Protein backbone atom coordinates (compact mmCIF):
# COMPACT_ATOMS: atom_id res chain seq x y z
CA UNK A 1 31.71 -8.72 -24.38
CA UNK A 2 34.34 -6.01 -24.83
CA UNK A 3 35.04 -2.93 -22.71
CA UNK A 4 33.29 -0.81 -25.32
CA UNK A 5 30.12 -2.88 -24.91
CA UNK A 6 29.85 -1.95 -21.24
CA UNK A 7 27.23 0.74 -20.42
CA UNK A 8 28.43 4.33 -20.89
CA UNK A 9 31.95 3.40 -22.12
CA UNK A 10 32.69 5.30 -25.32
CA UNK A 11 34.45 3.63 -28.22
CA UNK A 12 37.21 6.24 -28.11
CA UNK A 13 37.87 5.69 -24.39
CA UNK A 14 37.89 1.94 -24.82
CA UNK A 15 40.34 2.14 -27.69
CA UNK A 16 42.63 4.45 -25.73
CA UNK A 17 42.68 2.01 -22.83
CA UNK A 18 43.24 -0.95 -25.12
CA UNK A 19 46.24 0.79 -26.69
CA UNK A 20 47.75 1.96 -23.40
CA UNK A 21 47.13 -1.10 -21.21
CA UNK A 22 45.68 -4.17 -22.91
CA UNK A 23 45.96 -6.24 -19.72
CA UNK A 24 43.65 -3.92 -17.76
CA UNK A 25 41.38 -3.64 -20.79
CA UNK A 26 41.05 -7.43 -20.82
CA UNK A 27 40.31 -7.53 -17.09
CA UNK A 28 37.61 -4.88 -17.39
CA UNK A 29 36.11 -6.81 -20.28
CA UNK A 30 36.14 -9.92 -18.08
CA UNK A 31 34.22 -8.01 -15.38
CA UNK A 32 31.67 -6.84 -17.95
CA UNK A 33 31.29 -10.45 -19.12
CA UNK A 34 30.92 -11.70 -15.55
CA UNK A 35 28.09 -9.25 -14.93
CA UNK A 36 26.37 -10.20 -18.19
CA UNK A 37 26.55 -13.89 -17.30
CA UNK A 38 25.24 -13.81 -13.69
CA UNK A 39 22.72 -12.06 -11.47
CA UNK A 40 24.09 -9.58 -8.96
CA UNK A 41 22.26 -9.90 -5.64
CA UNK A 42 24.79 -8.36 -3.26
CA UNK A 43 22.98 -6.03 -0.88
CA UNK A 44 25.63 -3.32 -1.02
CA UNK A 45 25.67 -3.04 -4.79
CA UNK A 46 23.56 -1.41 -7.48
CA UNK A 47 24.34 0.07 -10.88
CA UNK A 48 25.59 3.60 -11.27
CA UNK A 49 23.67 5.35 -14.01
CA UNK A 50 25.39 6.20 -17.34
CA UNK A 51 25.34 9.91 -16.41
CA UNK A 52 27.08 9.15 -13.11
CA UNK A 53 29.75 7.11 -14.88
CA UNK A 54 30.27 9.92 -17.38
CA UNK A 55 30.87 12.39 -14.54
CA UNK A 56 33.38 9.99 -12.95
CA UNK A 57 35.33 9.90 -16.19
CA UNK A 58 35.19 13.68 -16.66
CA UNK A 59 37.92 16.34 -16.38
CA UNK A 60 37.57 16.69 -12.61
CA UNK A 61 39.11 13.25 -12.18
CA UNK A 62 42.57 14.78 -11.79
CA UNK A 63 41.71 18.15 -10.24
CA UNK A 64 43.20 18.92 -6.81
CA UNK A 65 40.82 20.85 -4.57
CA UNK A 66 41.83 20.70 -0.89
CA UNK A 67 39.33 22.47 1.33
CA UNK A 68 35.84 23.73 0.64
CA UNK A 69 34.24 26.01 -1.96
CA UNK A 70 35.68 29.49 -1.65
CA UNK A 71 38.42 28.27 0.68
CA UNK A 72 40.63 26.00 -1.40
CA UNK A 73 44.35 25.43 -1.09
CA UNK A 74 44.74 25.31 -4.88
CA UNK A 75 43.91 27.71 -7.69
CA UNK A 76 41.70 27.01 -10.68
CA UNK A 77 38.83 25.67 -8.55
CA UNK A 78 35.94 27.82 -9.78
CA UNK A 79 34.16 25.00 -11.71
CA UNK A 80 34.94 22.54 -8.89
CA UNK A 81 33.48 24.94 -6.34
CA UNK A 82 30.26 25.27 -8.29
CA UNK A 83 30.01 21.49 -8.68
CA UNK A 84 30.42 20.94 -4.95
CA UNK A 85 27.92 23.66 -4.05
CA UNK A 86 25.41 22.06 -6.42
CA UNK A 87 25.96 18.65 -4.79
CA UNK A 88 25.51 20.17 -1.31
CA UNK A 89 22.33 22.01 -2.31
CA UNK A 90 20.89 18.94 -3.95
CA UNK A 91 21.61 16.77 -0.92
CA UNK A 92 20.07 19.31 1.43
CA UNK A 93 16.95 19.63 -0.70
CA UNK A 94 16.55 15.90 -1.34
CA UNK A 95 16.78 14.99 2.32
CA UNK A 96 15.44 18.23 3.85
CA UNK A 97 18.70 18.57 5.77
CA UNK A 98 20.11 21.79 7.26
CA UNK A 99 23.68 20.88 6.22
CA UNK A 100 25.41 18.36 3.97
CA UNK A 101 29.00 17.33 3.40
CA UNK A 102 29.56 15.49 0.12
CA UNK A 103 33.31 14.82 0.38
CA UNK A 104 33.56 11.49 2.31
CA UNK A 105 35.09 8.75 0.16
CA UNK A 106 33.01 5.94 1.72
CA UNK A 107 30.37 5.26 4.32
CA UNK A 108 33.06 4.23 6.79
CA UNK A 109 34.97 7.46 6.13
CA UNK A 110 31.76 9.37 6.79
CA UNK A 111 31.23 7.47 10.05
CA UNK A 112 34.79 8.21 11.11
CA UNK A 113 34.11 11.92 10.56
CA UNK A 114 30.86 11.72 12.53
CA UNK A 115 32.67 10.12 15.48
CA UNK A 116 35.51 12.65 15.23
CA UNK A 117 33.05 15.55 15.31
CA UNK A 118 31.11 14.30 18.31
CA UNK A 119 33.39 12.07 20.41
CA UNK A 120 36.76 11.80 22.02
CA UNK A 121 38.79 8.58 22.35
CA UNK A 122 37.47 6.47 25.21
CA UNK A 123 33.88 7.73 25.00
CA UNK A 124 31.08 5.20 25.29
CA UNK A 125 28.95 4.48 22.24
CA UNK A 126 25.80 2.32 21.96
CA UNK A 127 25.31 0.62 18.58
CA UNK A 128 23.79 -2.44 16.99
CA UNK A 129 26.05 -5.42 17.69
CA UNK A 130 27.86 -6.91 14.71
CA UNK A 131 26.30 -10.37 15.06
CA UNK A 132 22.81 -8.81 15.00
CA UNK A 133 23.38 -6.75 11.86
CA UNK A 134 25.69 -3.88 12.84
CA UNK A 135 28.51 -2.56 10.70
CA UNK A 136 32.24 -2.95 11.26
CA UNK A 137 32.42 0.76 12.07
CA UNK A 138 30.10 0.13 15.02
CA UNK A 139 32.68 -1.36 17.32
CA UNK A 140 34.61 -4.11 15.57
CA UNK A 141 38.04 -4.53 17.12
CA UNK A 142 39.39 -4.88 13.59
CA UNK A 143 38.14 -1.35 12.87
CA UNK A 144 39.21 2.03 14.24
CA UNK A 145 35.87 2.32 16.05
CA UNK A 146 36.47 -0.65 18.33
CA UNK A 147 39.94 0.56 19.22
CA UNK A 148 39.16 4.20 19.91
CA UNK A 149 35.80 4.02 21.68
CA UNK A 150 34.01 1.87 24.24
CA UNK A 151 31.18 0.22 22.35
CA UNK A 152 28.17 -1.49 23.87
CA UNK A 153 25.98 -3.52 21.54
CA UNK A 154 22.21 -3.77 21.41
CA UNK A 155 20.46 -6.54 19.52
CA UNK A 156 17.22 -7.88 18.17
CA UNK A 157 14.57 -10.00 19.85
CA UNK A 158 14.93 -13.75 19.48
CA UNK A 159 11.25 -14.30 18.66
CA UNK A 160 10.80 -11.86 15.75
CA UNK A 161 14.26 -10.49 14.88
CA UNK A 162 13.18 -6.86 15.44
CA UNK A 163 15.31 -4.28 17.29
CA UNK A 164 14.61 -4.58 21.01
CA UNK A 165 13.98 -0.94 21.97
CA UNK A 166 13.50 -1.93 25.63
CA UNK A 167 17.04 -3.33 25.59
CA UNK A 168 18.32 -0.19 23.86
CA UNK A 169 16.78 1.98 26.57
CA UNK A 170 18.09 -0.19 29.39
CA UNK A 171 21.62 -0.23 27.96
CA UNK A 172 21.53 3.53 27.41
CA UNK A 173 20.55 4.10 31.03
CA UNK A 174 23.26 1.72 32.22
CA UNK A 175 26.17 2.97 30.11
CA UNK A 176 25.21 6.62 29.52
CA UNK A 177 26.83 6.70 26.05
CA UNK A 178 28.04 9.91 24.44
CA UNK A 179 26.39 8.74 21.19
CA UNK A 180 23.86 6.16 20.04
CA UNK A 181 24.11 4.71 16.54
CA UNK A 182 20.71 3.69 15.16
CA UNK A 183 20.51 1.30 12.26
CA UNK A 184 22.76 -1.35 10.80
CA UNK A 185 23.90 -3.02 7.63
CA UNK A 186 21.91 -6.28 7.68
CA UNK A 187 18.62 -5.16 9.16
CA UNK A 188 15.78 -5.43 6.60
CA UNK A 189 13.14 -3.45 8.52
CA UNK A 190 12.50 0.25 8.95
CA UNK A 191 14.14 1.83 11.99
CA UNK A 192 12.01 3.72 14.52
CA UNK A 193 14.05 6.93 14.46
CA UNK A 194 11.66 8.76 16.78
CA UNK A 195 12.06 6.09 19.47
CA UNK A 196 15.85 6.28 19.22
CA UNK A 197 15.68 10.06 19.49
CA UNK A 198 13.64 9.75 22.67
CA UNK A 199 16.16 7.36 24.19
CA UNK A 200 19.10 9.56 23.17
CA UNK A 201 17.48 12.61 24.74
CA UNK A 202 16.81 10.72 27.94
CA UNK A 203 20.55 10.03 28.45
CA UNK A 204 21.80 13.24 26.81
CA UNK A 205 23.48 11.41 23.92
CA UNK A 206 24.00 12.36 20.30
CA UNK A 207 22.00 10.30 17.80
CA UNK A 208 23.86 9.08 14.73
CA UNK A 209 21.72 7.49 12.02
CA UNK A 210 23.46 4.73 10.05
CA UNK A 211 21.55 5.08 6.78
CA UNK A 212 24.07 3.66 4.35
CA UNK A 213 21.63 0.99 3.13
CA UNK A 214 18.48 3.12 3.12
CA UNK A 215 19.35 6.59 1.81
CA UNK A 216 18.08 5.73 -1.67
CA UNK A 217 14.79 4.52 -0.20
CA UNK A 218 14.46 7.68 1.89
CA UNK A 219 14.96 9.82 -1.21
CA UNK A 220 12.06 8.03 -2.89
CA UNK A 221 9.78 8.26 0.15
CA UNK A 222 9.94 4.46 0.56
CA UNK A 223 11.51 4.57 4.04
CA UNK A 224 11.17 6.99 6.95
CA UNK A 225 13.79 9.71 7.04
CA UNK A 226 16.21 9.85 9.97
CA UNK A 227 17.13 13.47 9.25
CA UNK A 228 14.44 15.12 11.44
CA UNK A 229 15.57 13.00 14.41
CA UNK A 230 19.33 12.43 14.11
CA UNK A 231 22.08 14.86 14.98
CA UNK A 232 24.13 13.32 12.18
CA UNK A 233 23.02 11.02 9.39
CA UNK A 234 25.70 8.87 7.74
CA UNK A 235 24.79 7.66 4.25
CA UNK A 236 26.39 6.27 1.11
CA UNK A 237 25.84 7.47 -2.42
CA UNK A 238 26.08 4.08 -4.11
CA UNK A 239 23.53 1.34 -3.34
CA UNK A 240 20.01 2.57 -4.11
CA UNK A 241 21.05 6.17 -4.79
CA UNK A 242 22.84 4.73 -7.84
CA UNK A 243 25.72 7.18 -7.55
CA UNK A 244 29.47 6.61 -7.24
CA UNK A 245 30.95 4.66 -4.37
CA UNK A 246 31.19 7.27 -1.65
CA UNK A 247 29.82 8.70 1.57
CA UNK A 248 27.50 11.52 2.52
CA UNK A 249 26.95 13.36 5.81
CA UNK A 250 23.80 15.24 6.81
CA UNK A 251 23.60 17.12 10.08
CA UNK A 252 22.02 19.91 12.06
CA UNK A 253 23.10 23.50 11.45
CA UNK A 254 24.74 23.61 14.90
CA UNK A 255 27.09 20.75 13.98
CA UNK A 256 27.93 21.90 10.45
CA UNK A 257 31.33 23.38 11.20
CA UNK A 258 32.38 20.45 13.38
CA UNK A 259 31.36 17.94 10.70
CA UNK A 260 33.17 19.81 7.94
CA UNK A 261 36.39 20.08 9.95
CA UNK A 262 36.14 16.39 10.86
CA UNK A 263 36.13 15.51 7.14
CA UNK A 264 38.76 18.06 6.06
CA UNK A 265 41.41 18.44 7.33
CA UNK A 266 41.01 15.85 10.12
CA UNK A 267 40.26 12.61 8.29
CA UNK A 268 40.71 13.32 4.57
CA UNK A 269 42.83 15.35 2.20
CA UNK A 270 41.65 16.85 -1.05
CA UNK A 271 38.20 15.85 -2.21
CA UNK A 272 37.86 13.53 -5.20
CA UNK A 273 36.08 16.11 -7.30
CA UNK A 274 35.00 13.69 -10.02
CA UNK A 275 33.22 11.71 -7.30
CA UNK A 276 31.62 14.88 -5.98
CA UNK A 277 30.42 15.67 -9.51
CA UNK A 278 29.02 12.17 -9.87
CA UNK A 279 27.28 12.54 -6.48
CA UNK A 280 25.68 15.76 -7.70
CA UNK A 281 24.34 13.91 -10.75
CA UNK A 282 23.00 11.04 -8.64
CA UNK A 283 21.33 13.38 -6.15
CA UNK A 284 19.54 15.18 -8.97
CA UNK A 285 18.40 11.89 -10.49
CA UNK A 286 17.19 10.65 -7.10
CA UNK A 287 14.66 13.50 -7.04
CA UNK A 288 12.90 12.24 -10.18
CA UNK A 289 9.85 9.99 -10.66
CA UNK A 290 12.12 7.48 -12.43
CA UNK A 291 14.06 6.97 -9.19
CA UNK A 292 10.85 6.53 -7.21
CA UNK A 293 9.72 3.86 -9.65
CA UNK A 294 13.06 2.11 -9.42
CA UNK A 295 12.97 2.00 -5.61
CA UNK A 296 9.39 0.75 -5.54
CA UNK A 297 10.39 -2.01 -7.96
CA UNK A 298 13.36 -2.94 -5.76
CA UNK A 299 11.21 -3.16 -2.62
CA UNK A 300 8.43 -5.17 -4.30
CA UNK A 301 11.05 -7.47 -5.76
CA UNK A 302 12.69 -7.97 -2.36
CA UNK A 303 9.36 -9.03 -0.86
CA UNK A 304 8.84 -11.53 -3.69
CA UNK A 305 12.37 -12.81 -3.16
CA UNK A 306 11.75 -13.24 0.59
CA UNK A 307 8.52 -15.14 -0.04
CA UNK A 308 10.23 -17.48 -2.48
CA UNK A 309 13.05 -18.18 -0.03
CA UNK A 310 10.53 -18.94 2.70
CA UNK A 311 8.78 -21.40 0.41
CA UNK A 312 12.14 -23.05 -0.30
CA UNK A 313 12.79 -23.59 3.41
CA UNK A 314 15.14 -20.66 4.02
CA UNK A 315 13.04 -18.44 6.31
CA UNK A 316 13.68 -14.67 6.01
CA UNK A 317 14.88 -13.06 9.23
CA UNK A 318 12.20 -10.83 10.82
CA UNK A 319 9.66 -12.69 8.66
CA UNK A 320 10.22 -10.52 5.60
CA UNK A 321 11.47 -7.10 4.60
CA UNK A 322 10.49 -3.43 4.38
CA UNK A 323 13.38 -2.55 2.09
CA UNK A 324 15.47 -3.84 -0.83
CA UNK A 325 17.40 -6.03 1.64
CA UNK A 326 16.63 -9.68 2.42
CA UNK A 327 18.38 -11.77 5.06
CA UNK A 328 17.54 -15.44 5.50
CA UNK A 329 18.65 -18.45 7.50
CA UNK A 330 19.92 -21.45 5.58
CA UNK A 331 20.33 -23.57 8.73
CA UNK A 332 16.97 -25.37 8.16
CA UNK A 333 18.42 -26.58 4.84
CA UNK A 334 21.42 -28.04 6.65
CA UNK A 335 23.75 -25.43 5.15
CA UNK A 336 26.20 -22.87 6.42
CA UNK A 337 26.31 -19.42 4.92
CA UNK A 338 29.62 -20.26 3.26
CA UNK A 339 28.18 -23.33 1.55
CA UNK A 340 25.04 -21.45 0.51
CA UNK A 341 27.17 -18.67 -0.99
CA UNK A 342 29.23 -21.26 -2.90
CA UNK A 343 26.20 -23.12 -4.27
CA UNK A 344 24.52 -19.93 -5.41
CA UNK A 345 27.70 -18.58 -7.04
CA UNK A 346 28.04 -21.83 -8.98
CA UNK A 347 24.52 -21.17 -10.29
CA UNK A 348 25.39 -17.60 -11.27
CA UNK A 349 23.54 -16.07 -8.32
CA UNK A 350 25.90 -13.67 -6.55
CA UNK A 351 25.02 -12.99 -2.92
CA UNK A 352 26.75 -12.81 0.47
CA UNK A 353 26.71 -14.71 3.71
CA UNK A 354 25.80 -12.99 6.96
CA UNK A 355 25.54 -13.68 10.66
CA UNK A 356 22.23 -14.76 12.09
CA UNK A 357 21.30 -13.41 15.54
CA UNK A 358 21.80 -16.01 18.28
CA UNK A 359 23.66 -18.14 15.73
CA UNK A 360 26.01 -20.84 17.14
CA UNK A 361 27.93 -21.03 13.85
CA UNK A 362 31.32 -19.28 13.81
CA UNK A 363 31.54 -15.87 12.09
CA UNK A 364 33.68 -17.32 9.32
CA UNK A 365 30.85 -19.69 8.34
CA UNK A 366 27.55 -18.16 9.58
CA UNK A 367 24.09 -19.59 9.06
CA UNK A 368 22.63 -16.78 6.96
CA UNK A 369 22.62 -15.19 3.55
CA UNK A 370 22.17 -11.50 2.69
CA UNK A 371 20.71 -10.30 -0.60
CA UNK A 372 19.68 -7.04 -2.20
CA UNK A 373 17.60 -6.22 -5.26
CA UNK A 374 19.25 -2.90 -6.20
CA UNK A 375 21.15 -4.13 -9.22
CA UNK A 376 18.40 -6.35 -10.66
CA UNK A 377 15.83 -3.58 -10.23
CA UNK A 378 18.19 -1.13 -11.96
CA UNK A 379 18.33 -3.52 -14.88
CA UNK A 380 14.54 -3.46 -15.12
CA UNK A 381 13.56 -6.59 -13.17
CA UNK A 382 10.33 -6.35 -11.25
CA UNK A 383 8.30 -8.43 -8.84
CA UNK A 384 7.67 -11.28 -11.27
CA UNK A 385 11.29 -11.66 -12.35
CA UNK A 386 12.64 -11.42 -8.80
CA UNK A 387 10.07 -13.94 -7.64
CA UNK A 388 11.51 -16.34 -10.23
CA UNK A 389 15.01 -15.45 -9.05
CA UNK A 390 13.90 -16.48 -5.58
CA UNK A 391 12.76 -19.83 -6.93
CA UNK A 392 16.13 -20.28 -8.66
CA UNK A 393 17.83 -19.49 -5.36
CA UNK A 394 15.78 -22.16 -3.63
CA UNK A 395 16.75 -24.73 -6.25
CA UNK A 396 20.41 -23.77 -6.03
CA UNK A 397 20.38 -24.01 -2.23
CA UNK A 398 18.76 -27.45 -2.41
CA UNK A 399 21.63 -28.75 -4.53
CA UNK A 400 21.00 -31.42 -7.14
CA UNK A 401 20.97 -30.62 -10.87
CA UNK A 402 22.70 -27.26 -11.01
CA UNK A 403 22.95 -26.85 -14.79
CA UNK A 404 19.26 -26.08 -15.47
CA UNK A 405 19.39 -23.38 -12.78
CA UNK A 406 22.62 -22.01 -14.22
CA UNK A 407 21.14 -21.95 -17.72
CA UNK A 408 18.08 -20.02 -16.63
CA UNK A 409 20.18 -17.63 -14.55
CA UNK A 410 22.37 -16.92 -17.57
CA UNK A 411 19.29 -16.41 -19.73
CA UNK A 412 17.81 -13.87 -17.31
CA UNK A 413 21.14 -12.12 -16.81
CA UNK A 414 21.74 -11.68 -20.54
CA UNK A 415 18.18 -10.52 -21.14
CA UNK A 416 18.61 -7.64 -18.69
CA UNK A 417 22.38 -7.02 -18.82
CA UNK A 418 22.31 -4.16 -21.32
CA UNK A 419 19.80 -2.07 -19.41
CA UNK A 420 20.96 1.03 -17.50
């Protein structure tokens, strides 16, 4: 496969790259070939649509536009202003949010801005603990969050893997946090936003919704929206929104100015206007019936995947999934997450390892795997195909004859690789 064969890459653009930098052209072709030869099951990935990719490659890619529409630090921003206003309006309408900021470059950047708007260094924050499915920006000492704020972690129940709201309430009463972060990055069930709002109100805390994994589901009505309950919702525009890699902030009208100032000028410089344009495209597409169908296919496929893993002896955490995300323990198979990841990659099945709550294995090894159906569903796979993928996963995890699994994986990948 060449660069020009990749979705949405024009022949002219590919030829220009080939002439200017053949080494990079070869590497991009290798990435296109890798994708066409394997199945992408990483939970944080999906496929940006061709229209999104076209916007990313458009003339706003090199436009400087510090500030906000109507208040830029550079001239010549009239088209950029209109693009950003469109993205803001589309985000507000899609999520029924009073205010939106579309400039964050990533979900972590968006979370940094949320903390900066609401907190001061040293404030207490209650969030899902990392080993139970929380994100690095929820208190990891390797991240700014764990160095600037005093984090206290809540977890999930040992018997069913669900968030323990009684523990959340008890910890909130004990630590009186300035903010509570609801949601995580490896939690496959819907979050009870109303219950978190009640707890936050009881201790006079801000509620921050970590919706990076679920924003695309919310847009399709396949997951409950945090927006009516949270003071600030932190989302990403990739994953199931199928936009560019980037962040998105939604908040109450009262916090709008504080959120905007926390993004620019506090934590970021000029917006990447080609990304903002691509976000606008993705937000418009997320309001269509096609997006709803895509999300439903992803969720149904994830349930089929979870059932197949259970049958193969790798029980899904929480007993299943409400979303596109599946987490499972490979300990009953005598594997670590690292070994499971390696076996699956050798079979062309690309997934990630993850921590399992109450897991004695070290974080560098883990006992779990984390999968998502966003990319496969974007390529057109449905419940039947993803059920078969689950069976292939089970065979890969069991070891033995890997080549038949690899051959079928390659066959499936190539059958669906050219789809948008």
